Amino acid sequence: MSSTLEGKRTRTSASFRKKWDRVLPLDEMLLDRWLKAKQLGFGEGSSVYEHVLVYGKPKVGKNVWIGPFTLIDATGGLEIGDGCDISVGVKILTHSTHLRCVSERKQDTVRKAVKIGKFTFIGTNAVILPGVKVGDHCIIGAGAVVTKDVPPRSVATGVPAKIVGKVVLGKKISYK
């Protein structure tokens, strides 16, 4: 069996390298990420890589791309608008056990909903903490830790994330 599986990997890897100039883990090359998104109830045209952890039942809009090695925690409520790109390694958290832990289990887990607006880009390894609302057409920088709401058309970067610019909508999108 292993020689058959190795043969499949060799053929599939060659095909992926030729067509998309990349090689992925075998399960990512064999399984359909659009079908996975559909099975999870995500909006039409959305895709979610096989190596994404999904907790709870997030409400995900149309044409959302969720990159590999991402954690989507919807146990406290999560809504992601249409057209968002959630980059590699992003963590969207809607619950925390910090108070339960330090209270010696006398307090409950904290759960707070997160809302990501439409057409928002969340950069690689960014973290969105419980209770945060990110507006439409935002850019969240790579590695940012978002602890507070981000208004529409904002660029937020850093730890903790701060507004550092605005997204200007027009024929050609830019940010300042």
N, C-alpha and C. Protein backbone atom coordinates (compact mmCIF):
# COMPACT_ATOMS: atom_id res chain seq x y z
N MET A 1 0.82 -1.19 0.00
CA MET A 1 0.00 0.00 0.00
C MET A 1 0.87 1.26 0.00
N SER A 2 1.95 1.26 0.77
CA SER A 2 2.74 2.49 0.87
C SER A 2 3.34 2.86 -0.49
N SER A 3 3.72 1.86 -1.30
CA SER A 3 4.27 2.19 -2.62
C SER A 3 3.20 2.80 -3.51
N THR A 4 1.95 2.36 -3.37
CA THR A 4 0.84 2.95 -4.12
C THR A 4 0.60 4.38 -3.68
N LEU A 5 0.63 4.61 -2.39
CA LEU A 5 0.44 5.96 -1.85
C LEU A 5 1.59 6.88 -2.25
N GLU A 6 2.81 6.36 -2.21
CA GLU A 6 3.97 7.15 -2.64
C GLU A 6 3.86 7.50 -4.12
N GLY A 7 3.39 6.56 -4.90
CA GLY A 7 3.19 6.83 -6.33
C GLY A 7 2.16 7.92 -6.55
N LYS A 8 1.08 7.86 -5.80
CA LYS A 8 0.04 8.90 -5.88
C LYS A 8 0.62 10.26 -5.50
N ARG A 9 1.43 10.29 -4.42
CA ARG A 9 2.04 11.56 -4.01
C ARG A 9 2.96 12.09 -5.11
N THR A 10 3.77 11.21 -5.69
CA THR A 10 4.71 11.63 -6.74
C THR A 10 3.96 12.23 -7.92
N ARG A 11 2.92 11.54 -8.39
CA ARG A 11 2.15 12.02 -9.54
C ARG A 11 1.41 13.33 -9.21
N THR A 12 0.78 13.37 -8.04
CA THR A 12 0.02 14.55 -7.65
C THR A 12 0.94 15.74 -7.42
N SER A 13 2.08 15.51 -6.79
CA SER A 13 3.05 16.59 -6.56
C SER A 13 3.56 17.17 -7.87
N ALA A 14 3.85 16.29 -8.83
CA ALA A 14 4.33 16.76 -10.14
C ALA A 14 3.26 17.61 -10.82
N SER A 15 2.03 17.16 -10.74
CA SER A 15 0.92 17.91 -11.34
C SER A 15 0.75 19.29 -10.68
N PHE A 16 0.79 19.33 -9.35
CA PHE A 16 0.65 20.60 -8.63
C PHE A 16 1.81 21.54 -8.92
N ARG A 17 3.02 20.98 -8.98
CA ARG A 17 4.19 21.83 -9.25
C ARG A 17 4.07 22.44 -10.65
N LYS A 18 3.64 21.64 -11.62
CA LYS A 18 3.52 22.13 -12.99
C LYS A 18 2.40 23.18 -13.11
N LYS A 19 1.26 22.90 -12.50
CA LYS A 19 0.10 23.77 -12.66
C LYS A 19 0.17 25.03 -11.78
N TRP A 20 0.61 24.89 -10.51
CA TRP A 20 0.56 26.01 -9.57
C TRP A 20 1.91 26.36 -8.94
N ASP A 21 2.98 25.68 -9.35
CA ASP A 21 4.32 25.91 -8.81
C ASP A 21 4.36 25.76 -7.30
N ARG A 22 3.72 24.70 -6.80
CA ARG A 22 3.73 24.41 -5.37
C ARG A 22 3.51 22.92 -5.13
N VAL A 23 3.95 22.47 -3.98
CA VAL A 23 3.68 21.12 -3.51
C VAL A 23 3.14 21.25 -2.10
N LEU A 24 2.02 20.60 -1.85
CA LEU A 24 1.34 20.67 -0.56
C LEU A 24 1.35 19.29 0.11
N PRO A 25 0.98 19.22 1.39
CA PRO A 25 0.78 17.89 1.99
C PRO A 25 -0.23 17.10 1.16
N LEU A 26 -0.06 15.81 1.13
CA LEU A 26 -0.88 14.96 0.26
C LEU A 26 -2.37 15.17 0.46
N ASP A 27 -2.83 15.26 1.72
CA ASP A 27 -4.27 15.44 1.93
C ASP A 27 -4.77 16.75 1.34
N GLU A 28 -3.95 17.79 1.37
CA GLU A 28 -4.35 19.08 0.78
C GLU A 28 -4.48 18.98 -0.73
N MET A 29 -3.66 18.11 -1.35
CA MET A 29 -3.71 17.94 -2.80
C MET A 29 -4.85 17.03 -3.24
N LEU A 30 -5.29 16.14 -2.35
CA LEU A 30 -6.32 15.17 -2.72
C LEU A 30 -7.74 15.61 -2.37
N LEU A 31 -7.87 16.42 -1.33
CA LEU A 31 -9.20 16.79 -0.84
C LEU A 31 -9.58 18.19 -1.32
N ASP A 32 -10.86 18.38 -1.56
CA ASP A 32 -11.38 19.62 -2.14
C ASP A 32 -11.73 20.62 -1.04
N ARG A 33 -10.99 21.74 -0.97
CA ARG A 33 -11.22 22.71 0.10
C ARG A 33 -12.52 23.49 -0.08
N TRP A 34 -13.04 23.59 -1.29
CA TRP A 34 -14.34 24.22 -1.50
C TRP A 34 -15.47 23.31 -1.00
N LEU A 35 -15.29 22.00 -1.19
CA LEU A 35 -16.27 21.05 -0.66
C LEU A 35 -16.27 21.06 0.86
N LYS A 36 -15.09 21.13 1.48
CA LYS A 36 -15.02 21.21 2.94
C LYS A 36 -15.77 22.43 3.44
N ALA A 37 -15.57 23.58 2.79
CA ALA A 37 -16.27 24.80 3.18
C ALA A 37 -17.79 24.63 3.05
N LYS A 38 -18.21 24.01 1.97
CA LYS A 38 -19.64 23.76 1.76
C LYS A 38 -20.20 22.85 2.85
N GLN A 39 -19.44 21.79 3.19
CA GLN A 39 -19.88 20.87 4.24
C GLN A 39 -19.98 21.56 5.60
N LEU A 40 -19.15 22.58 5.82
CA LEU A 40 -19.20 23.35 7.07
C LEU A 40 -20.28 24.43 7.05
N GLY A 41 -20.98 24.57 5.93
CA GLY A 41 -22.05 25.56 5.84
C GLY A 41 -21.56 26.96 5.50
N PHE A 42 -20.33 27.08 5.01
CA PHE A 42 -19.79 28.39 4.63
C PHE A 42 -20.45 28.85 3.33
N GLY A 43 -20.37 30.14 3.06
CA GLY A 43 -21.00 30.71 1.87
C GLY A 43 -20.43 30.18 0.57
N GLU A 44 -21.20 30.36 -0.49
CA GLU A 44 -20.84 29.91 -1.82
C GLU A 44 -19.48 30.48 -2.24
N GLY A 45 -18.65 29.62 -2.82
CA GLY A 45 -17.35 30.05 -3.33
C GLY A 45 -16.27 30.14 -2.26
N SER A 46 -16.59 29.86 -1.02
CA SER A 46 -15.60 29.92 0.04
C SER A 46 -14.75 28.65 0.04
N SER A 47 -13.52 28.77 0.55
CA SER A 47 -12.65 27.60 0.65
C SER A 47 -11.94 27.62 1.99
N VAL A 48 -11.67 26.42 2.49
CA VAL A 48 -10.97 26.28 3.78
C VAL A 48 -10.04 25.08 3.66
N TYR A 49 -8.77 25.32 3.92
CA TYR A 49 -7.77 24.26 3.81
C TYR A 49 -8.03 23.15 4.82
N GLU A 50 -7.53 21.98 4.50
CA GLU A 50 -7.70 20.80 5.35
C GLU A 50 -7.05 21.01 6.73
N HIS A 51 -5.95 21.74 6.77
CA HIS A 51 -5.22 21.94 8.03
C HIS A 51 -5.70 23.16 8.80
N VAL A 52 -6.98 23.44 8.73
CA VAL A 52 -7.61 24.51 9.51
C VAL A 52 -8.43 23.86 10.61
N LEU A 53 -8.28 24.36 11.83
CA LEU A 53 -9.10 23.89 12.96
C LEU A 53 -10.33 24.77 13.05
N VAL A 54 -11.49 24.15 13.08
CA VAL A 54 -12.75 24.89 13.19
C VAL A 54 -13.50 24.38 14.42
N TYR A 55 -13.69 25.27 15.40
CA TYR A 55 -14.45 24.95 16.61
C TYR A 55 -15.76 25.71 16.56
N GLY A 56 -16.85 25.06 16.91
CA GLY A 56 -18.16 25.71 16.89
C GLY A 56 -18.69 25.80 15.47
N LYS A 57 -19.65 26.70 15.29
CA LYS A 57 -20.31 26.85 13.99
C LYS A 57 -20.23 28.29 13.53
N PRO A 58 -19.12 28.66 12.89
CA PRO A 58 -18.99 30.03 12.41
C PRO A 58 -19.95 30.32 11.27
N LYS A 59 -20.37 31.58 11.18
CA LYS A 59 -21.15 32.03 10.03
C LYS A 59 -20.16 32.69 9.09
N VAL A 60 -19.93 32.07 7.94
CA VAL A 60 -18.92 32.54 6.99
C VAL A 60 -19.61 32.89 5.68
N GLY A 61 -19.32 34.08 5.18
CA GLY A 61 -19.94 34.58 3.96
C GLY A 61 -19.43 33.92 2.69
N LYS A 62 -19.78 34.53 1.57
CA LYS A 62 -19.41 34.03 0.24
C LYS A 62 -17.98 34.43 -0.09
N ASN A 63 -17.33 33.57 -0.89
CA ASN A 63 -16.01 33.85 -1.46
C ASN A 63 -14.97 34.22 -0.41
N VAL A 64 -15.01 33.52 0.71
CA VAL A 64 -14.02 33.71 1.78
C VAL A 64 -12.92 32.67 1.59
N TRP A 65 -11.67 33.11 1.69
CA TRP A 65 -10.52 32.21 1.60
C TRP A 65 -9.90 32.10 2.99
N ILE A 66 -9.80 30.88 3.50
CA ILE A 66 -9.19 30.64 4.80
C ILE A 66 -7.96 29.76 4.57
N GLY A 67 -6.79 30.35 4.85
CA GLY A 67 -5.51 29.70 4.59
C GLY A 67 -5.19 28.59 5.57
N PRO A 68 -4.16 27.82 5.27
CA PRO A 68 -3.78 26.68 6.11
C PRO A 68 -3.26 27.11 7.47
N PHE A 69 -3.32 26.18 8.40
CA PHE A 69 -2.78 26.34 9.77
C PHE A 69 -3.46 27.46 10.53
N THR A 70 -4.73 27.68 10.23
CA THR A 70 -5.53 28.72 10.86
C THR A 70 -6.44 28.07 11.91
N LEU A 71 -6.73 28.83 12.97
CA LEU A 71 -7.66 28.40 14.01
C LEU A 71 -8.89 29.30 13.96
N ILE A 72 -10.03 28.71 13.71
CA ILE A 72 -11.30 29.42 13.68
C ILE A 72 -12.11 28.93 14.88
N ASP A 73 -12.22 29.77 15.92
CA ASP A 73 -12.95 29.43 17.14
C ASP A 73 -14.26 30.19 17.14
N ALA A 74 -15.35 29.48 16.93
CA ALA A 74 -16.67 30.12 16.92
C ALA A 74 -17.51 29.72 18.12
N THR A 75 -16.88 29.17 19.16
CA THR A 75 -17.66 28.69 20.31
C THR A 75 -18.33 29.82 21.08
N GLY A 76 -17.87 31.05 20.89
CA GLY A 76 -18.51 32.21 21.51
C GLY A 76 -19.29 33.04 20.51
N GLY A 77 -19.36 32.58 19.26
CA GLY A 77 -20.05 33.30 18.20
C GLY A 77 -19.05 33.96 17.26
N LEU A 78 -19.16 33.67 15.97
CA LEU A 78 -18.24 34.24 14.98
C LEU A 78 -18.96 34.44 13.66
N GLU A 79 -18.78 35.64 13.11
CA GLU A 79 -19.31 35.96 11.79
C GLU A 79 -18.18 36.55 10.96
N ILE A 80 -17.98 35.99 9.77
CA ILE A 80 -16.98 36.48 8.82
C ILE A 80 -17.74 36.87 7.55
N GLY A 81 -17.59 38.15 7.14
CA GLY A 81 -18.32 38.66 5.99
C GLY A 81 -17.80 38.16 4.66
N ASP A 82 -18.55 38.47 3.61
CA ASP A 82 -18.20 38.07 2.24
C ASP A 82 -16.82 38.61 1.85
N GLY A 83 -16.14 37.83 1.02
CA GLY A 83 -14.94 38.30 0.36
C GLY A 83 -13.70 38.45 1.21
N CYS A 84 -13.68 37.91 2.41
CA CYS A 84 -12.51 38.05 3.29
C CYS A 84 -11.42 37.06 2.91
N ASP A 85 -10.18 37.46 3.16
CA ASP A 85 -9.04 36.55 3.08
C ASP A 85 -8.44 36.45 4.47
N ILE A 86 -8.41 35.23 5.00
CA ILE A 86 -7.86 34.94 6.31
C ILE A 86 -6.56 34.18 6.06
N SER A 87 -5.42 34.83 6.26
CA SER A 87 -4.12 34.29 5.85
C SER A 87 -3.65 33.12 6.71
N VAL A 88 -2.53 32.57 6.31
CA VAL A 88 -1.90 31.43 6.95
C VAL A 88 -1.65 31.71 8.44
N GLY A 89 -2.07 30.78 9.29
CA GLY A 89 -1.74 30.83 10.71
C GLY A 89 -2.53 31.81 11.55
N VAL A 90 -3.55 32.42 10.99
CA VAL A 90 -4.39 33.36 11.76
C VAL A 90 -5.13 32.60 12.85
N LYS A 91 -5.33 33.26 13.98
CA LYS A 91 -6.13 32.71 15.07
C LYS A 91 -7.24 33.69 15.40
N ILE A 92 -8.48 33.24 15.24
CA ILE A 92 -9.65 34.03 15.61
C ILE A 92 -10.27 33.33 16.81
N LEU A 93 -10.22 34.01 17.96
CA LEU A 93 -10.63 33.41 19.23
C LEU A 93 -11.90 34.06 19.75
N THR A 94 -12.84 33.23 20.21
CA THR A 94 -14.08 33.76 20.80
C THR A 94 -14.29 33.28 22.22
N HIS A 95 -13.31 32.57 22.75
CA HIS A 95 -13.41 32.16 24.15
C HIS A 95 -12.03 32.16 24.80
N SER A 96 -12.02 32.27 26.12
CA SER A 96 -10.77 32.23 26.88
C SER A 96 -11.04 31.60 28.24
N THR A 97 -10.10 30.81 28.70
CA THR A 97 -10.22 30.17 30.01
C THR A 97 -9.36 30.87 31.08
N HIS A 98 -8.90 32.09 30.80
CA HIS A 98 -7.98 32.76 31.73
C HIS A 98 -8.59 32.97 33.12
N LEU A 99 -9.84 33.43 33.20
CA LEU A 99 -10.48 33.65 34.51
C LEU A 99 -10.82 32.33 35.19
N ARG A 100 -11.24 31.35 34.42
CA ARG A 100 -11.52 30.02 34.98
C ARG A 100 -10.26 29.44 35.60
N CYS A 101 -9.15 29.60 34.93
CA CYS A 101 -7.89 29.03 35.41
C CYS A 101 -7.43 29.70 36.71
N VAL A 102 -7.32 31.03 36.71
CA VAL A 102 -6.77 31.70 37.89
C VAL A 102 -7.73 31.70 39.08
N SER A 103 -9.03 31.45 38.81
CA SER A 103 -10.00 31.38 39.91
C SER A 103 -10.14 29.97 40.46
N GLU A 104 -9.23 29.10 40.09
CA GLU A 104 -9.28 27.70 40.51
C GLU A 104 -10.59 27.03 40.10
N ARG A 105 -11.03 27.35 38.89
CA ARG A 105 -12.24 26.79 38.26
C ARG A 105 -13.54 27.30 38.88
N LYS A 106 -13.50 28.40 39.61
CA LYS A 106 -14.72 28.96 40.22
C LYS A 106 -15.47 29.88 39.25
N GLN A 107 -14.78 30.37 38.23
CA GLN A 107 -15.43 31.21 37.23
C GLN A 107 -15.54 30.45 35.92
N ASP A 108 -16.51 30.84 35.13
CA ASP A 108 -16.75 30.19 33.85
C ASP A 108 -15.78 30.67 32.77
N THR A 109 -15.72 29.91 31.71
CA THR A 109 -14.99 30.32 30.52
C THR A 109 -15.64 31.58 29.97
N VAL A 110 -14.83 32.55 29.57
CA VAL A 110 -15.32 33.79 28.97
C VAL A 110 -15.59 33.54 27.50
N ARG A 111 -16.77 33.90 27.03
CA ARG A 111 -17.14 33.75 25.62
C ARG A 111 -17.67 35.09 25.12
N LYS A 112 -17.07 35.59 24.04
CA LYS A 112 -17.49 36.85 23.43
C LYS A 112 -17.41 36.70 21.91
N ALA A 113 -18.47 37.10 21.24
CA ALA A 113 -18.55 36.98 19.79
C ALA A 113 -17.55 37.89 19.09
N VAL A 114 -17.10 37.46 17.92
CA VAL A 114 -16.23 38.23 17.05
C VAL A 114 -16.95 38.43 15.72
N LYS A 115 -16.80 39.62 15.15
CA LYS A 115 -17.38 39.89 13.83
C LYS A 115 -16.30 40.50 12.95
N ILE A 116 -16.10 39.87 11.79
CA ILE A 116 -15.17 40.37 10.78
C ILE A 116 -16.03 40.86 9.62
N GLY A 117 -15.86 42.14 9.24
CA GLY A 117 -16.66 42.73 8.16
C GLY A 117 -16.33 42.16 6.79
N LYS A 118 -17.02 42.67 5.79
CA LYS A 118 -16.84 42.22 4.41
C LYS A 118 -15.53 42.74 3.83
N PHE A 119 -14.94 41.93 2.94
CA PHE A 119 -13.76 42.30 2.15
C PHE A 119 -12.62 42.81 3.02
N THR A 120 -12.36 42.06 4.08
CA THR A 120 -11.28 42.38 5.02
C THR A 120 -10.18 41.34 4.87
N PHE A 121 -8.95 41.83 4.91
CA PHE A 121 -7.76 40.98 4.80
C PHE A 121 -7.13 40.88 6.19
N ILE A 122 -6.89 39.64 6.64
CA ILE A 122 -6.21 39.43 7.92
C ILE A 122 -4.89 38.73 7.62
N GLY A 123 -3.79 39.39 7.94
CA GLY A 123 -2.45 38.94 7.58
C GLY A 123 -1.96 37.73 8.36
N THR A 124 -0.94 37.12 7.85
CA THR A 124 -0.33 35.91 8.40
C THR A 124 -0.06 36.04 9.90
N ASN A 125 -0.48 35.03 10.64
CA ASN A 125 -0.24 34.90 12.08
C ASN A 125 -0.86 36.00 12.93
N ALA A 126 -1.81 36.74 12.40
CA ALA A 126 -2.53 37.71 13.23
C ALA A 126 -3.42 36.96 14.20
N VAL A 127 -3.73 37.61 15.32
CA VAL A 127 -4.61 37.04 16.34
C VAL A 127 -5.73 38.04 16.60
N ILE A 128 -6.97 37.55 16.52
CA ILE A 128 -8.14 38.37 16.82
C ILE A 128 -8.70 37.83 18.13
N LEU A 129 -8.77 38.68 19.15
CA LEU A 129 -9.19 38.24 20.49
C LEU A 129 -10.71 38.33 20.66
N PRO A 130 -11.26 37.61 21.66
CA PRO A 130 -12.71 37.58 21.87
C PRO A 130 -13.31 38.98 22.02
N GLY A 131 -14.50 39.14 21.42
CA GLY A 131 -15.26 40.37 21.56
C GLY A 131 -14.94 41.46 20.55
N VAL A 132 -13.96 41.23 19.67
CA VAL A 132 -13.51 42.26 18.72
C VAL A 132 -14.42 42.30 17.50
N LYS A 133 -14.65 43.52 17.01
CA LYS A 133 -15.34 43.73 15.73
C LYS A 133 -14.38 44.43 14.80
N VAL A 134 -14.19 43.83 13.60
CA VAL A 134 -13.34 44.41 12.57
C VAL A 134 -14.27 44.82 11.44
N GLY A 135 -14.18 46.08 11.02
CA GLY A 135 -15.09 46.61 10.00
C GLY A 135 -14.82 46.10 8.60
N ASP A 136 -15.64 46.56 7.66
CA ASP A 136 -15.50 46.23 6.24
C ASP A 136 -14.23 46.86 5.67
N HIS A 137 -13.65 46.21 4.68
CA HIS A 137 -12.53 46.74 3.89
C HIS A 137 -11.33 47.11 4.76
N CYS A 138 -11.02 46.30 5.74
CA CYS A 138 -9.86 46.55 6.61
C CYS A 138 -8.68 45.69 6.20
N ILE A 139 -7.50 46.13 6.60
CA ILE A 139 -6.28 45.34 6.48
C ILE A 139 -5.72 45.19 7.89
N ILE A 140 -5.59 43.93 8.32
CA ILE A 140 -4.96 43.63 9.60
C ILE A 140 -3.58 43.06 9.26
N GLY A 141 -2.53 43.71 9.74
CA GLY A 141 -1.17 43.33 9.38
C GLY A 141 -0.74 42.00 9.93
N ALA A 142 0.26 41.42 9.29
CA ALA A 142 0.83 40.15 9.73
C ALA A 142 1.32 40.27 11.17
N GLY A 143 0.98 39.29 11.99
CA GLY A 143 1.45 39.24 13.37
C GLY A 143 0.73 40.18 14.32
N ALA A 144 -0.24 40.93 13.85
CA ALA A 144 -0.97 41.85 14.72
C ALA A 144 -1.77 41.07 15.76
N VAL A 145 -1.93 41.66 16.94
CA VAL A 145 -2.81 41.11 17.96
C VAL A 145 -3.91 42.15 18.18
N VAL A 146 -5.11 41.81 17.70
CA VAL A 146 -6.22 42.76 17.72
C VAL A 146 -7.00 42.57 19.02
N THR A 147 -6.92 43.58 19.89
CA THR A 147 -7.55 43.54 21.21
C THR A 147 -8.77 44.45 21.30
N LYS A 148 -8.92 45.36 20.32
CA LYS A 148 -10.02 46.34 20.32
C LYS A 148 -10.64 46.40 18.94
N ASP A 149 -11.85 46.95 18.87
CA ASP A 149 -12.54 47.08 17.60
C ASP A 149 -11.71 47.89 16.60
N VAL A 150 -11.85 47.53 15.32
CA VAL A 150 -11.17 48.22 14.22
C VAL A 150 -12.25 48.79 13.31
N PRO A 151 -12.30 50.13 13.13
CA PRO A 151 -13.33 50.74 12.30
C PRO A 151 -13.18 50.36 10.82
N PRO A 152 -14.26 50.48 10.05
CA PRO A 152 -14.19 50.19 8.61
C PRO A 152 -13.07 50.96 7.92
N ARG A 153 -12.50 50.33 6.89
CA ARG A 153 -11.47 50.91 6.03
C ARG A 153 -10.21 51.35 6.80
N SER A 154 -9.87 50.58 7.81
CA SER A 154 -8.68 50.88 8.60
C SER A 154 -7.57 49.87 8.32
N VAL A 155 -6.34 50.32 8.51
CA VAL A 155 -5.17 49.46 8.48
C VAL A 155 -4.67 49.39 9.92
N ALA A 156 -4.59 48.18 10.47
CA ALA A 156 -4.17 48.00 11.86
C ALA A 156 -2.99 47.03 11.90
N THR A 157 -1.93 47.42 12.63
CA THR A 157 -0.75 46.58 12.76
C THR A 157 -0.22 46.65 14.18
N GLY A 158 0.62 45.69 14.54
CA GLY A 158 1.35 45.75 15.79
C GLY A 158 0.75 44.92 16.91
N VAL A 159 1.45 44.98 18.06
CA VAL A 159 1.05 44.25 19.26
C VAL A 159 1.09 45.23 20.43
N PRO A 160 -0.06 45.61 20.98
CA PRO A 160 -1.39 45.35 20.43
C PRO A 160 -1.60 46.17 19.16
N ALA A 161 -2.54 45.72 18.34
CA ALA A 161 -2.79 46.39 17.06
C ALA A 161 -3.27 47.81 17.28
N LYS A 162 -2.74 48.70 16.44
CA LYS A 162 -3.15 50.10 16.45
C LYS A 162 -3.48 50.50 15.02
N ILE A 163 -4.38 51.46 14.87
CA ILE A 163 -4.73 51.97 13.55
C ILE A 163 -3.53 52.78 13.04
N VAL A 164 -2.99 52.39 11.89
CA VAL A 164 -1.84 53.09 11.33
C VAL A 164 -2.13 53.70 9.96
N GLY A 165 -3.34 53.48 9.45
CA GLY A 165 -3.67 54.03 8.14
C GLY A 165 -5.12 53.78 7.79
N LYS A 166 -5.49 54.26 6.60
CA LYS A 166 -6.84 54.11 6.08
C LYS A 166 -6.80 53.45 4.71
N VAL A 167 -7.78 52.63 4.42
CA VAL A 167 -7.95 52.06 3.09
C VAL A 167 -8.79 53.05 2.30
N VAL A 168 -8.29 53.44 1.12
CA VAL A 168 -8.98 54.40 0.27
C VAL A 168 -9.57 53.63 -0.90
N LEU A 169 -10.90 53.60 -0.97
CA LEU A 169 -11.58 52.86 -2.03
C LEU A 169 -11.71 53.74 -3.27
N GLY A 170 -11.50 53.16 -4.42
CA GLY A 170 -11.60 53.86 -5.70
C GLY A 170 -11.30 52.88 -6.79
N LYS A 171 -10.96 53.40 -7.98
CA LYS A 171 -10.62 52.50 -9.09
C LYS A 171 -9.43 51.62 -8.73
N LYS A 172 -8.43 52.23 -8.10
CA LYS A 172 -7.28 51.47 -7.62
C LYS A 172 -7.22 51.67 -6.12
N ILE A 173 -7.29 50.55 -5.39
CA ILE A 173 -7.30 50.60 -3.92
C ILE A 173 -5.90 50.98 -3.44
N SER A 174 -5.85 51.83 -2.45
CA SER A 174 -4.57 52.16 -1.84
C SER A 174 -4.78 52.31 -0.34
N TYR A 175 -3.69 52.43 0.37
CA TYR A 175 -3.80 52.72 1.80
C TYR A 175 -2.71 53.68 2.19
N LYS A 176 -3.04 54.47 3.19
CA LYS A 176 -2.13 55.53 3.66
C LYS A 176 -1.65 55.22 5.04
